[in-house]
Amino acid sequence: MATSRFGEVLARAARIALVVLALAGLGSAPVAAQAGTVTGIVRDAVTGAPLAGAQVSVEGTGIGGLANNVGRYLLLNVPAGEQTISVTLIGYSPASETVT
């Protein structure tokens, strides 16, 4: 029984589901100068449960934050264009998703 339970824990620990809801440009500046907002929910990929406290960031920018108690996050001033959103949480493998 202990071995089966351990395998189940490892399987869950291996996956984070990163759901990116939106990347919206703000203002009327030229595209190269626009910044936007990225929001989403971090969930366990197996159970779908929200993952509070997950660290979410935009790779290479220093922009980041933590998922709240229902797994939601909000990243402000994200540079326009293609960006990679990464998420980490102790006990889970890191995950990332590219957004535009």
PDB file of N, CA and C in Angstrom:
ATOM      1  N   MET A   1       0.826  -1.193   0.000  1.00  0.00           N
ATOM      2  CA  MET A   1       0.000   0.000   0.000  1.00  0.00           C
ATOM      3  C   MET A   1       0.864   1.247   0.000  1.00  0.00           C
ATOM      4  N   ALA A   2       1.941   1.272   0.783  1.00  0.00           N
ATOM      5  CA  ALA A   2       2.796   2.452   0.860  1.00  0.00           C
ATOM      6  C   ALA A   2       3.456   2.737  -0.484  1.00  0.00           C
ATOM      7  N   THR A   3       3.877   1.701  -1.207  1.00  0.00           N
ATOM      8  CA  THR A   3       4.514   1.901  -2.503  1.00  0.00           C
ATOM      9  C   THR A   3       3.534   2.496  -3.500  1.00  0.00           C
ATOM     10  N   SER A   4       2.308   2.012  -3.530  1.00  0.00           N
ATOM     11  CA  SER A   4       1.293   2.535  -4.434  1.00  0.00           C
ATOM     12  C   SER A   4       0.995   4.008  -4.129  1.00  0.00           C
ATOM     13  N   ARG A   5       0.876   4.334  -2.876  1.00  0.00           N
ATOM     14  CA  ARG A   5       0.616   5.721  -2.458  1.00  0.00           C
ATOM     15  C   ARG A   5       1.778   6.621  -2.851  1.00  0.00           C
ATOM     16  N   PHE A   6       3.015   6.140  -2.681  1.00  0.00           N
ATOM     17  CA  PHE A   6       4.199   6.904  -3.047  1.00  0.00           C
ATOM     18  C   PHE A   6       4.207   7.192  -4.549  1.00  0.00           C
ATOM     19  N   GLY A   7       3.852   6.182  -5.363  1.00  0.00           N
ATOM     20  CA  GLY A   7       3.787   6.373  -6.809  1.00  0.00           C
ATOM     21  C   GLY A   7       2.743   7.406  -7.191  1.00  0.00           C
ATOM     22  N   GLU A   8       1.614   7.400  -6.504  1.00  0.00           N
ATOM     23  CA  GLU A   8       0.551   8.374  -6.765  1.00  0.00           C
ATOM     24  C   GLU A   8       1.022   9.786  -6.437  1.00  0.00           C
ATOM     25  N   VAL A   9       1.721   9.946  -5.330  1.00  0.00           N
ATOM     26  CA  VAL A   9       2.250  11.256  -4.940  1.00  0.00           C
ATOM     27  C   VAL A   9       3.260  11.737  -5.970  1.00  0.00           C
ATOM     28  N   LEU A  10       4.139  10.856  -6.435  1.00  0.00           N
ATOM     29  CA  LEU A  10       5.114  11.251  -7.452  1.00  0.00           C
ATOM     30  C   LEU A  10       4.429  11.667  -8.750  1.00  0.00           C
ATOM     31  N   ALA A  11       3.399  10.945  -9.144  1.00  0.00           N
ATOM     32  CA  ALA A  11       2.683  11.293 -10.373  1.00  0.00           C
ATOM     33  C   ALA A  11       2.063  12.674 -10.250  1.00  0.00           C
ATOM     34  N   ARG A  12       1.468  12.994  -9.123  1.00  0.00           N
ATOM     35  CA  ARG A  12       0.870  14.312  -8.919  1.00  0.00           C
ATOM     36  C   ARG A  12       1.937  15.387  -8.845  1.00  0.00           C
ATOM     37  N   ALA A  13       3.052  15.080  -8.218  1.00  0.00           N
ATOM     38  CA  ALA A  13       4.109  16.068  -8.050  1.00  0.00           C
ATOM     39  C   ALA A  13       4.774  16.413  -9.373  1.00  0.00           C
ATOM     40  N   ALA A  14       4.606  15.588 -10.366  1.00  0.00           N
ATOM     41  CA  ALA A  14       5.289  15.798 -11.631  1.00  0.00           C
ATOM     42  C   ALA A  14       4.601  16.822 -12.533  1.00  0.00           C
ATOM     43  N   ARG A  15       3.368  17.218 -12.220  1.00  0.00           N
ATOM     44  CA  ARG A  15       2.637  18.043 -13.171  1.00  0.00           C
ATOM     45  C   ARG A  15       1.939  19.239 -12.527  1.00  0.00           C
ATOM     46  N   ILE A  16       2.089  20.389 -13.168  1.00  0.00           N
ATOM     47  CA  ILE A  16       1.310  21.586 -12.830  1.00  0.00           C
ATOM     48  C   ILE A  16       0.613  22.008 -14.116  1.00  0.00           C
ATOM     49  N   ALA A  17      -0.643  22.308 -14.023  1.00  0.00           N
ATOM     50  CA  ALA A  17      -1.364  22.857 -15.177  1.00  0.00           C
ATOM     51  C   ALA A  17      -1.361  24.372 -15.059  1.00  0.00           C
ATOM     52  N   LEU A  18      -0.882  25.031 -16.074  1.00  0.00           N
ATOM     53  CA  LEU A  18      -0.843  26.487 -16.102  1.00  0.00           C
ATOM     54  C   LEU A  18      -1.879  26.965 -17.108  1.00  0.00           C
ATOM     55  N   VAL A  19      -2.883  27.656 -16.624  1.00  0.00           N
ATOM     56  CA  VAL A  19      -3.944  28.159 -17.496  1.00  0.00           C
ATOM     57  C   VAL A  19      -3.758  29.661 -17.624  1.00  0.00           C
ATOM     58  N   VAL A  20      -3.426  30.124 -18.806  1.00  0.00           N
ATOM     59  CA  VAL A  20      -3.265  31.550 -19.056  1.00  0.00           C
ATOM     60  C   VAL A  20      -4.560  32.055 -19.664  1.00  0.00           C
ATOM     61  N   LEU A  21      -5.184  33.027 -19.007  1.00  0.00           N
ATOM     62  CA  LEU A  21      -6.479  33.514 -19.454  1.00  0.00           C
ATOM     63  C   LEU A  21      -6.400  34.648 -20.462  1.00  0.00           C
ATOM     64  N   ALA A  22      -5.440  35.560 -20.309  1.00  0.00           N
ATOM     65  CA  ALA A  22      -5.455  36.706 -21.222  1.00  0.00           C
ATOM     66  C   ALA A  22      -4.116  37.429 -21.244  1.00  0.00           C
ATOM     67  N   LEU A  23      -3.816  38.033 -22.375  1.00  0.00           N
ATOM     68  CA  LEU A  23      -2.718  38.987 -22.513  1.00  0.00           C
ATOM     69  C   LEU A  23      -3.317  40.152 -23.276  1.00  0.00           C
ATOM     70  N   ALA A  24      -3.512  41.259 -22.594  1.00  0.00           N
ATOM     71  CA  ALA A  24      -4.195  42.399 -23.210  1.00  0.00           C
ATOM     72  C   ALA A  24      -3.282  43.605 -23.233  1.00  0.00           C
ATOM     73  N   GLY A  25      -3.129  44.220 -24.404  1.00  0.00           N
ATOM     74  CA  GLY A  25      -2.359  45.449 -24.517  1.00  0.00           C
ATOM     75  C   GLY A  25      -3.134  46.616 -23.919  1.00  0.00           C
ATOM     76  N   LEU A  26      -2.418  47.565 -23.345  1.00  0.00           N
ATOM     77  CA  LEU A  26      -3.056  48.724 -22.743  1.00  0.00           C
ATOM     78  C   LEU A  26      -2.646  49.985 -23.490  1.00  0.00           C
ATOM     79  N   GLY A  27      -3.521  50.973 -23.516  1.00  0.00           N
ATOM     80  CA  GLY A  27      -3.175  52.268 -24.095  1.00  0.00           C
ATOM     81  C   GLY A  27      -3.196  52.255 -25.611  1.00  0.00           C
ATOM     82  N   SER A  28      -2.732  53.370 -26.193  1.00  0.00           N
ATOM     83  CA  SER A  28      -2.745  53.488 -27.648  1.00  0.00           C
ATOM     84  C   SER A  28      -1.350  53.738 -28.201  1.00  0.00           C
ATOM     85  N   ALA A  29      -0.333  53.394 -27.445  1.00  0.00           N
ATOM     86  CA  ALA A  29       1.044  53.574 -27.898  1.00  0.00           C
ATOM     87  C   ALA A  29       1.353  52.568 -29.011  1.00  0.00           C
ATOM     88  N   PRO A  30       2.423  52.798 -29.776  1.00  0.00           N
ATOM     89  CA  PRO A  30       2.814  51.821 -30.795  1.00  0.00           C
ATOM     90  C   PRO A  30       3.008  50.442 -30.156  1.00  0.00           C
ATOM     91  N   VAL A  31       2.791  49.390 -30.952  1.00  0.00           N
ATOM     92  CA  VAL A  31       2.849  48.019 -30.436  1.00  0.00           C
ATOM     93  C   VAL A  31       4.143  47.740 -29.689  1.00  0.00           C
ATOM     94  N   ALA A  32       5.270  48.198 -30.184  1.00  0.00           N
ATOM     95  CA  ALA A  32       6.551  47.912 -29.546  1.00  0.00           C
ATOM     96  C   ALA A  32       6.632  48.487 -28.137  1.00  0.00           C
ATOM     97  N   ALA A  33       5.848  49.521 -27.853  1.00  0.00           N
ATOM     98  CA  ALA A  33       5.937  50.171 -26.552  1.00  0.00           C
ATOM     99  C   ALA A  33       4.835  49.731 -25.592  1.00  0.00           C
ATOM    100  N   GLN A  34       3.867  48.955 -26.072  1.00  0.00           N
ATOM    101  CA  GLN A  34       2.749  48.564 -25.225  1.00  0.00           C
ATOM    102  C   GLN A  34       3.164  47.521 -24.204  1.00  0.00           C
ATOM    103  N   ALA A  35       2.519  47.601 -23.052  1.00  0.00           N
ATOM    104  CA  ALA A  35       2.653  46.576 -22.025  1.00  0.00           C
ATOM    105  C   ALA A  35       1.261  46.048 -21.761  1.00  0.00           C
ATOM    106  N   GLY A  36       1.177  44.823 -21.277  1.00  0.00           N
ATOM    107  CA  GLY A  36      -0.132  44.228 -21.062  1.00  0.00           C
ATOM    108  C   GLY A  36      -0.217  43.512 -19.731  1.00  0.00           C
ATOM    109  N   THR A  37      -1.310  42.832 -19.547  1.00  0.00           N
ATOM    110  CA  THR A  37      -1.599  42.103 -18.322  1.00  0.00           C
ATOM    111  C   THR A  37      -1.800  40.626 -18.667  1.00  0.00           C
ATOM    112  N   VAL A  38      -1.213  39.767 -17.885  1.00  0.00           N
ATOM    113  CA  VAL A  38      -1.434  38.335 -18.032  1.00  0.00           C
ATOM    114  C   VAL A  38      -2.078  37.859 -16.748  1.00  0.00           C
ATOM    115  N   THR A  39      -3.169  37.130 -16.878  1.00  0.00           N
ATOM    116  CA  THR A  39      -3.856  36.585 -15.719  1.00  0.00           C
ATOM    117  C   THR A  39      -4.193  35.128 -15.997  1.00  0.00           C
ATOM    118  N   GLY A  40      -4.328  34.350 -14.962  1.00  0.00           N
ATOM    119  CA  GLY A  40      -4.637  32.942 -15.159  1.00  0.00           C
ATOM    120  C   GLY A  40      -4.842  32.214 -13.847  1.00  0.00           C
ATOM    121  N   ILE A  41      -4.911  30.902 -13.944  1.00  0.00           N
ATOM    122  CA  ILE A  41      -5.104  30.038 -12.784  1.00  0.00           C
ATOM    123  C   ILE A  41      -4.084  28.914 -12.848  1.00  0.00           C
ATOM    124  N   VAL A  42      -3.461  28.610 -11.722  1.00  0.00           N
ATOM    125  CA  VAL A  42      -2.534  27.482 -11.634  1.00  0.00           C
ATOM    126  C   VAL A  42      -3.283  26.340 -10.959  1.00  0.00           C
ATOM    127  N   ARG A  43      -3.287  25.167 -11.628  1.00  0.00           N
ATOM    128  CA  ARG A  43      -4.008  24.002 -11.110  1.00  0.00           C
ATOM    129  C   ARG A  43      -3.124  22.764 -11.126  1.00  0.00           C
ATOM    130  N   ASP A  44      -3.454  21.815 -10.253  1.00  0.00           N
ATOM    131  CA  ASP A  44      -2.837  20.503 -10.284  1.00  0.00           C
ATOM    132  C   ASP A  44      -3.308  19.832 -11.574  1.00  0.00           C
ATOM    133  N   ALA A  45      -2.385  19.340 -12.396  1.00  0.00           N
ATOM    134  CA  ALA A  45      -2.733  18.770 -13.696  1.00  0.00           C
ATOM    135  C   ALA A  45      -3.524  17.475 -13.573  1.00  0.00           C
ATOM    136  N   VAL A  46      -3.426  16.800 -12.448  1.00  0.00           N
ATOM    137  CA  VAL A  46      -4.136  15.536 -12.273  1.00  0.00           C
ATOM    138  C   VAL A  46      -5.520  15.756 -11.677  1.00  0.00           C
ATOM    139  N   THR A  47      -5.597  16.520 -10.603  1.00  0.00           N
ATOM    140  CA  THR A  47      -6.865  16.688  -9.882  1.00  0.00           C
ATOM    141  C   THR A  47      -7.641  17.927 -10.292  1.00  0.00           C
ATOM    142  N   GLY A  48      -6.963  18.901 -10.876  1.00  0.00           N
ATOM    143  CA  GLY A  48      -7.607  20.163 -11.224  1.00  0.00           C
ATOM    144  C   GLY A  48      -7.731  21.128 -10.058  1.00  0.00           C
ATOM    145  N   ALA A  49      -7.223  20.734  -8.903  1.00  0.00           N
ATOM    146  CA  ALA A  49      -7.305  21.592  -7.720  1.00  0.00           C
ATOM    147  C   ALA A  49      -6.430  22.832  -7.903  1.00  0.00           C
ATOM    148  N   PRO A  50      -6.916  23.999  -7.474  1.00  0.00           N
ATOM    149  CA  PRO A  50      -6.090  25.211  -7.561  1.00  0.00           C
ATOM    150  C   PRO A  50      -4.872  25.097  -6.658  1.00  0.00           C
ATOM    151  N   LEU A  51      -3.759  25.687  -7.100  1.00  0.00           N
ATOM    152  CA  LEU A  51      -2.507  25.614  -6.343  1.00  0.00           C
ATOM    153  C   LEU A  51      -2.134  26.990  -5.804  1.00  0.00           C
ATOM    154  N   ALA A  52      -2.536  27.237  -4.583  1.00  0.00           N
ATOM    155  CA  ALA A  52      -2.223  28.499  -3.912  1.00  0.00           C
ATOM    156  C   ALA A  52      -0.728  28.591  -3.654  1.00  0.00           C
ATOM    157  N   GLY A  53      -0.181  29.786  -3.806  1.00  0.00           N
ATOM    158  CA  GLY A  53       1.221  30.028  -3.482  1.00  0.00           C
ATOM    159  C   GLY A  53       2.203  29.679  -4.582  1.00  0.00           C
ATOM    160  N   ALA A  54       1.720  29.236  -5.742  1.00  0.00           N
ATOM    161  CA  ALA A  54       2.620  28.951  -6.856  1.00  0.00           C
ATOM    162  C   ALA A  54       3.268  30.248  -7.319  1.00  0.00           C
ATOM    163  N   GLN A  55       4.534  30.187  -7.658  1.00  0.00           N
ATOM    164  CA  GLN A  55       5.252  31.360  -8.138  1.00  0.00           C
ATOM    165  C   GLN A  55       5.143  31.405  -9.660  1.00  0.00           C
ATOM    166  N   VAL A  56       4.602  32.506 -10.178  1.00  0.00           N
ATOM    167  CA  VAL A  56       4.390  32.675 -11.614  1.00  0.00           C
ATOM    168  C   VAL A  56       5.237  33.847 -12.081  1.00  0.00           C
ATOM    169  N   SER A  57       5.938  33.685 -13.223  1.00  0.00           N
ATOM    170  CA  SER A  57       6.793  34.770 -13.702  1.00  0.00           C
ATOM    171  C   SER A  57       6.855  34.795 -15.223  1.00  0.00           C
ATOM    172  N   VAL A  58       7.268  35.950 -15.744  1.00  0.00           N
ATOM    173  CA  VAL A  58       7.521  36.119 -17.170  1.00  0.00           C
ATOM    174  C   VAL A  58       9.018  35.964 -17.341  1.00  0.00           C
ATOM    175  N   GLU A  59       9.432  34.902 -18.025  1.00  0.00           N
ATOM    176  CA  GLU A  59      10.857  34.594 -18.160  1.00  0.00           C
ATOM    177  C   GLU A  59      11.641  35.765 -18.734  1.00  0.00           C
ATOM    178  N   GLY A  60      12.782  36.035 -18.121  1.00  0.00           N
ATOM    179  CA  GLY A  60      13.699  37.047 -18.614  1.00  0.00           C
ATOM    180  C   GLY A  60      13.313  38.490 -18.337  1.00  0.00           C
ATOM    181  N   THR A  61      12.281  38.724 -17.501  1.00  0.00           N
ATOM    182  CA  THR A  61      11.838  40.105 -17.292  1.00  0.00           C
ATOM    183  C   THR A  61      11.910  40.577 -15.846  1.00  0.00           C
ATOM    184  N   GLY A  62      11.937  39.686 -14.893  1.00  0.00           N
ATOM    185  CA  GLY A  62      11.856  40.086 -13.489  1.00  0.00           C
ATOM    186  C   GLY A  62      10.430  40.344 -13.033  1.00  0.00           C
ATOM    187  N   ILE A  63       9.446  40.114 -13.917  1.00  0.00           N
ATOM    188  CA  ILE A  63       8.032  40.289 -13.572  1.00  0.00           C
ATOM    189  C   ILE A  63       7.503  38.971 -13.033  1.00  0.00           C
ATOM    190  N   GLY A  64       6.843  39.016 -11.873  1.00  0.00           N
ATOM    191  CA  GLY A  64       6.298  37.787 -11.315  1.00  0.00           C
ATOM    192  C   GLY A  64       5.380  38.057 -10.149  1.00  0.00           C
ATOM    193  N   GLY A  65       4.808  36.993  -9.640  1.00  0.00           N
ATOM    194  CA  GLY A  65       3.916  37.089  -8.499  1.00  0.00           C
ATOM    195  C   GLY A  65       3.538  35.711  -8.011  1.00  0.00           C
ATOM    196  N   LEU A  66       2.656  35.670  -7.029  1.00  0.00           N
ATOM    197  CA  LEU A  66       2.211  34.417  -6.438  1.00  0.00           C
ATOM    198  C   LEU A  66       0.733  34.199  -6.728  1.00  0.00           C
ATOM    199  N   ALA A  67       0.362  32.938  -6.932  1.00  0.00           N
ATOM    200  CA  ALA A  67      -1.046  32.586  -7.088  1.00  0.00           C
ATOM    201  C   ALA A  67      -1.732  32.720  -5.735  1.00  0.00           C
ATOM    202  N   ASN A  68      -2.955  33.250  -5.738  1.00  0.00           N
ATOM    203  CA  ASN A  68      -3.680  33.442  -4.483  1.00  0.00           C
ATOM    204  C   ASN A  68      -4.287  32.118  -3.988  1.00  0.00           C
ATOM    205  N   ASN A  69      -5.169  32.206  -3.011  1.00  0.00           N
ATOM    206  CA  ASN A  69      -5.710  30.986  -2.393  1.00  0.00           C
ATOM    207  C   ASN A  69      -6.595  30.159  -3.329  1.00  0.00           C
ATOM    208  N   VAL A  70      -7.018  30.693  -4.458  1.00  0.00           N
ATOM    209  CA  VAL A  70      -7.784  29.918  -5.432  1.00  0.00           C
ATOM    210  C   VAL A  70      -6.990  29.715  -6.726  1.00  0.00           C
ATOM    211  N   GLY A  71      -5.656  29.888  -6.654  1.00  0.00           N
ATOM    212  CA  GLY A  71      -4.769  29.621  -7.780  1.00  0.00           C
ATOM    213  C   GLY A  71      -4.672  30.721  -8.809  1.00  0.00           C
ATOM    214  N   ARG A  72      -5.353  31.847  -8.604  1.00  0.00           N
ATOM    215  CA  ARG A  72      -5.340  32.938  -9.582  1.00  0.00           C
ATOM    216  C   ARG A  72      -4.084  33.805  -9.420  1.00  0.00           C
ATOM    217  N   TYR A  73      -3.611  34.309 -10.559  1.00  0.00           N
ATOM    218  CA  TYR A  73      -2.471  35.228 -10.542  1.00  0.00           C
ATOM    219  C   TYR A  73      -2.721  36.359 -11.525  1.00  0.00           C
ATOM    220  N   LEU A  74      -1.982  37.461 -11.334  1.00  0.00           N
ATOM    221  CA  LEU A  74      -2.076  38.643 -12.177  1.00  0.00           C
ATOM    222  C   LEU A  74      -0.668  39.193 -12.356  1.00  0.00           C
ATOM    223  N   LEU A  75      -0.240  39.326 -13.600  1.00  0.00           N
ATOM    224  CA  LEU A  75       1.079  39.889 -13.911  1.00  0.00           C
ATOM    225  C   LEU A  75       0.871  41.167 -14.707  1.00  0.00           C
ATOM    226  N   LEU A  76       1.409  42.275 -14.214  1.00  0.00           N
ATOM    227  CA  LEU A  76       1.226  43.588 -14.841  1.00  0.00           C
ATOM    228  C   LEU A  76       2.469  44.019 -15.606  1.00  0.00           C
ATOM    229  N   ASN A  77       2.279  44.917 -16.546  1.00  0.00           N
ATOM    230  CA  ASN A  77       3.370  45.518 -17.322  1.00  0.00           C
ATOM    231  C   ASN A  77       4.195  44.492 -18.082  1.00  0.00           C
ATOM    232  N   VAL A  78       3.533  43.480 -18.600  1.00  0.00           N
ATOM    233  CA  VAL A  78       4.199  42.448 -19.396  1.00  0.00           C
ATOM    234  C   VAL A  78       4.477  43.026 -20.777  1.00  0.00           C
ATOM    235  N   PRO A  79       5.719  42.954 -21.245  1.00  0.00           N
ATOM    236  CA  PRO A  79       6.040  43.493 -22.570  1.00  0.00           C
ATOM    237  C   PRO A  79       5.195  42.832 -23.663  1.00  0.00           C
ATOM    238  N   ALA A  80       4.829  43.622 -24.674  1.00  0.00           N
ATOM    239  CA  ALA A  80       4.051  43.106 -25.801  1.00  0.00           C
ATOM    240  C   ALA A  80       4.862  42.065 -26.559  1.00  0.00           C
ATOM    241  N   GLY A  81       4.164  41.191 -27.261  1.00  0.00           N
ATOM    242  CA  GLY A  81       4.816  40.167 -28.066  1.00  0.00           C
ATOM    243  C   GLY A  81       4.790  38.821 -27.372  1.00  0.00           C
ATOM    244  N   GLU A  82       5.528  37.888 -27.922  1.00  0.00           N
ATOM    245  CA  GLU A  82       5.567  36.529 -27.387  1.00  0.00           C
ATOM    246  C   GLU A  82       6.367  36.487 -26.082  1.00  0.00           C
ATOM    247  N   GLN A  83       5.765  35.927 -25.046  1.00  0.00           N
ATOM    248  CA  GLN A  83       6.401  35.813 -23.732  1.00  0.00           C
ATOM    249  C   GLN A  83       6.184  34.398 -23.203  1.00  0.00           C
ATOM    250  N   THR A  84       7.120  33.930 -22.387  1.00  0.00           N
ATOM    251  CA  THR A  84       6.974  32.626 -21.754  1.00  0.00           C
ATOM    252  C   THR A  84       6.632  32.832 -20.288  1.00  0.00           C
ATOM    253  N   ILE A  85       5.494  32.281 -19.880  1.00  0.00           N
ATOM    254  CA  ILE A  85       5.029  32.356 -18.499  1.00  0.00           C
ATOM    255  C   ILE A  85       5.426  31.046 -17.830  1.00  0.00           C
ATOM    256  N   SER A  86       6.144  31.149 -16.709  1.00  0.00           N
ATOM    257  CA  SER A  86       6.619  29.965 -15.993  1.00  0.00           C
ATOM    258  C   SER A  86       5.997  29.903 -14.608  1.00  0.00           C
ATOM    259  N   VAL A  87       5.824  28.689 -14.119  1.00  0.00           N
ATOM    260  CA  VAL A  87       5.265  28.503 -12.778  1.00  0.00           C
ATOM    261  C   VAL A  87       6.063  27.430 -12.045  1.00  0.00           C
ATOM    262  N   THR A  88       6.330  27.703 -10.765  1.00  0.00           N
ATOM    263  CA  THR A  88       7.007  26.731  -9.915  1.00  0.00           C
ATOM    264  C   THR A  88       6.276  26.652  -8.579  1.00  0.00           C
ATOM    265  N   LEU A  89       6.347  25.487  -7.982  1.00  0.00           N
ATOM    266  CA  LEU A  89       5.770  25.258  -6.667  1.00  0.00           C
ATOM    267  C   LEU A  89       6.469  24.053  -6.071  1.00  0.00           C
ATOM    268  N   ILE A  90       6.893  24.159  -4.831  1.00  0.00           N
ATOM    269  CA  ILE A  90       7.566  23.050  -4.168  1.00  0.00           C
ATOM    270  C   ILE A  90       6.671  21.816  -4.217  1.00  0.00           C
ATOM    271  N   GLY A  91       7.259  20.685  -4.610  1.00  0.00           N
ATOM    272  CA  GLY A  91       6.534  19.434  -4.715  1.00  0.00           C
ATOM    273  C   GLY A  91       6.018  19.162  -6.113  1.00  0.00           C
ATOM    274  N   TYR A  92       6.200  20.120  -7.036  1.00  0.00           N
ATOM    275  CA  TYR A  92       5.750  19.970  -8.408  1.00  0.00           C
ATOM    276  C   TYR A  92       6.909  20.285  -9.364  1.00  0.00           C
ATOM    277  N   SER A  93       6.862  19.687 -10.535  1.00  0.00           N
ATOM    278  CA  SER A  93       7.832  20.035 -11.574  1.00  0.00           C
ATOM    279  C   SER A  93       7.446  21.389 -12.145  1.00  0.00           C
ATOM    280  N   PRO A  94       8.422  22.197 -12.573  1.00  0.00           N
ATOM    281  CA  PRO A  94       8.107  23.490 -13.176  1.00  0.00           C
ATOM    282  C   PRO A  94       7.307  23.299 -14.470  1.00  0.00           C
ATOM    283  N   ALA A  95       6.516  24.303 -14.828  1.00  0.00           N
ATOM    284  CA  ALA A  95       5.752  24.284 -16.067  1.00  0.00           C
ATOM    285  C   ALA A  95       5.861  25.655 -16.721  1.00  0.00           C
ATOM    286  N   SER A  96       5.641  25.701 -18.022  1.00  0.00           N
ATOM    287  CA  SER A  96       5.651  26.996 -18.712  1.00  0.00           C
ATOM    288  C   SER A  96       4.725  26.940 -19.920  1.00  0.00           C
ATOM    289  N   GLU A  97       4.327  28.135 -20.352  1.00  0.00           N
ATOM    290  CA  GLU A  97       3.468  28.264 -21.524  1.00  0.00           C
ATOM    291  C   GLU A  97       3.829  29.562 -22.219  1.00  0.00           C
ATOM    292  N   THR A  98       3.894  29.532 -23.542  1.00  0.00           N
ATOM    293  CA  THR A  98       4.198  30.722 -24.323  1.00  0.00           C
ATOM    294  C   THR A  98       2.894  31.382 -24.739  1.00  0.00           C
ATOM    295  N   VAL A  99       2.837  32.696 -24.553  1.00  0.00           N
ATOM    296  CA  VAL A  99       1.653  33.483 -24.916  1.00  0.00           C
ATOM    297  C   VAL A  99       2.072  34.656 -25.792  1.00  0.00           C
ATOM    298  N   THR A 100       1.129  35.214 -26.509  1.00  0.00           N
ATOM    299  CA  THR A 100       1.388  36.413 -27.322  1.00  0.00           C
ATOM    300  C   THR A 100       0.411  37.487 -26.900  1.00  0.00           C
TER     301      THR A 100
END
